[in-house]
């Protein structure tokens, strides 16, 4: 029988089904298929930050890909995390690497890649 979401999978998720304020907390839930290599892909065309030199808004498409080990990223926490950069002054290359570092810290994935297409 296929493993489905269990009530215990929701333990520790504090953002799902609650208020919507930006924040840096990335939440996870258990991977029921840790013996299998599969790629999770998350995309957004709504990433915004601010140029640290000019103060003008920057817009980007972000693609996050990872092979999970024991944890899977909860998508609402990712949305709130990305929203937290909206008014932050940061260079494209730096924010792409910070996002990658934060995802690796939260997930401990087998593999992870973040691609930023800034306009």
Protein backbone atom coordinates (compact mmCIF):
# COMPACT_ATOMS: atom_id res chain seq x y z
CA UNK A 1 0.00 0.00 0.00
CA UNK A 2 1.30 3.46 -0.89
CA UNK A 3 2.26 5.68 1.98
CA UNK A 4 0.01 8.69 2.29
CA UNK A 5 0.21 11.81 4.40
CA UNK A 6 -0.21 10.98 8.07
CA UNK A 7 -1.34 13.29 10.87
CA UNK A 8 2.14 12.95 12.35
CA UNK A 9 3.55 14.52 9.14
CA UNK A 10 1.88 17.77 10.15
CA UNK A 11 3.60 17.86 13.54
CA UNK A 12 5.91 20.85 13.68
CA UNK A 13 4.28 22.73 10.79
CA UNK A 14 3.35 26.08 12.27
CA UNK A 15 2.72 28.16 9.14
CA UNK A 16 0.36 25.99 7.09
CA UNK A 17 -3.25 27.12 7.55
CA UNK A 18 -2.30 30.18 9.57
CA UNK A 19 -1.55 33.88 9.02
CA UNK A 20 0.50 35.18 6.14
CA UNK A 21 3.45 37.26 7.22
CA UNK A 22 6.85 37.08 5.55
CA UNK A 23 9.53 35.23 7.51
CA UNK A 24 12.76 33.28 7.22
CA UNK A 25 11.43 30.00 8.64
CA UNK A 26 11.54 27.07 6.20
CA UNK A 27 9.40 24.18 7.41
CA UNK A 28 9.60 20.55 6.36
CA UNK A 29 7.68 17.31 6.63
CA UNK A 30 8.89 13.69 6.45
CA UNK A 31 9.79 12.05 3.15
CA UNK A 32 8.01 8.69 2.97
CA UNK A 33 10.24 7.54 0.10
CA UNK A 34 13.80 8.16 1.34
CA UNK A 35 15.17 5.15 -0.54
CA UNK A 36 14.20 6.61 -3.91
CA UNK A 37 15.98 9.38 -5.81
CA UNK A 38 13.39 11.76 -7.26
CA UNK A 39 13.56 15.44 -8.07
CA UNK A 40 11.22 17.99 -6.50
CA UNK A 41 10.94 21.17 -8.60
CA UNK A 42 9.43 24.42 -7.31
CA UNK A 43 9.11 27.50 -9.52
CA UNK A 44 8.01 31.06 -8.99
CA UNK A 45 7.91 34.09 -11.25
CA UNK A 46 7.07 36.39 -8.36
CA UNK A 47 10.39 36.82 -6.54
CA UNK A 48 11.25 40.42 -5.76
CA UNK A 49 14.05 42.15 -3.93
CA UNK A 50 15.65 45.59 -4.07
CA UNK A 51 18.90 46.62 -5.71
CA UNK A 52 21.26 47.60 -2.87
CA UNK A 53 22.87 50.33 -4.99
CA UNK A 54 19.83 52.03 -6.55
CA UNK A 55 16.95 50.99 -4.31
CA UNK A 56 14.97 49.99 -7.39
CA UNK A 57 12.95 46.77 -7.35
CA UNK A 58 14.37 43.64 -8.94
CA UNK A 59 12.18 40.84 -10.27
CA UNK A 60 13.09 37.22 -10.90
CA UNK A 61 11.97 33.77 -11.83
CA UNK A 62 13.37 31.23 -9.37
CA UNK A 63 13.59 27.50 -9.91
CA UNK A 64 14.44 25.29 -6.96
CA UNK A 65 15.25 21.64 -7.56
CA UNK A 66 16.30 19.08 -5.00
CA UNK A 67 16.51 15.37 -4.33
CA UNK A 68 15.10 14.91 -0.83
CA UNK A 69 16.62 12.69 1.79
CA UNK A 70 14.56 12.59 4.99
CA UNK A 71 12.72 15.93 4.61
CA UNK A 72 10.48 17.66 2.07
CA UNK A 73 9.97 21.42 1.92
CA UNK A 74 6.50 22.72 2.85
CA UNK A 75 5.58 25.12 0.04
CA UNK A 76 3.74 27.80 2.06
CA UNK A 77 6.79 28.30 4.24
CA UNK A 78 8.83 28.74 1.03
CA UNK A 79 6.39 31.42 -0.22
CA UNK A 80 6.65 33.33 3.05
CA UNK A 81 10.43 32.92 3.05
CA UNK A 82 10.75 34.32 -0.49
CA UNK A 83 8.35 37.15 0.39
CA UNK A 84 10.74 38.19 3.16
CA UNK A 85 13.20 39.41 0.51
CA UNK A 86 10.71 41.82 -1.06
CA UNK A 87 12.16 44.99 0.54
CA UNK A 88 15.66 43.69 1.21
CA UNK A 89 18.60 45.20 -0.67
CA UNK A 90 20.68 42.35 -2.07
CA UNK A 91 22.60 41.49 -5.23
CA UNK A 92 21.16 38.70 -7.43
CA UNK A 93 24.14 36.40 -7.09
CA UNK A 94 24.21 36.75 -3.32
CA UNK A 95 20.51 36.12 -2.76
CA UNK A 96 20.59 33.05 -5.01
CA UNK A 97 23.39 31.57 -2.90
CA UNK A 98 21.77 32.53 0.41
CA UNK A 99 18.55 30.80 -0.66
CA UNK A 100 20.53 27.70 -1.61
CA UNK A 101 22.38 27.72 1.73
CA UNK A 102 19.13 28.11 3.68
CA UNK A 103 17.45 25.27 1.77
CA UNK A 104 20.40 22.94 2.32
CA UNK A 105 20.42 23.80 6.03
CA UNK A 106 16.66 23.13 6.37
CA UNK A 107 16.44 20.02 4.19
CA UNK A 108 19.84 18.30 4.21
CA UNK A 109 18.95 17.09 0.69
CA UNK A 110 20.97 14.66 -1.39
CA UNK A 111 21.27 17.37 -4.04
CA UNK A 112 19.95 20.91 -4.45
CA UNK A 113 20.07 23.58 -7.16
CA UNK A 114 18.67 27.13 -7.21
CA UNK A 115 18.44 29.00 -10.50
CA UNK A 116 17.62 32.72 -10.58
CA UNK A 117 16.58 34.46 -13.80
CA UNK A 118 16.58 38.15 -12.95
CA UNK A 119 15.10 40.82 -15.21
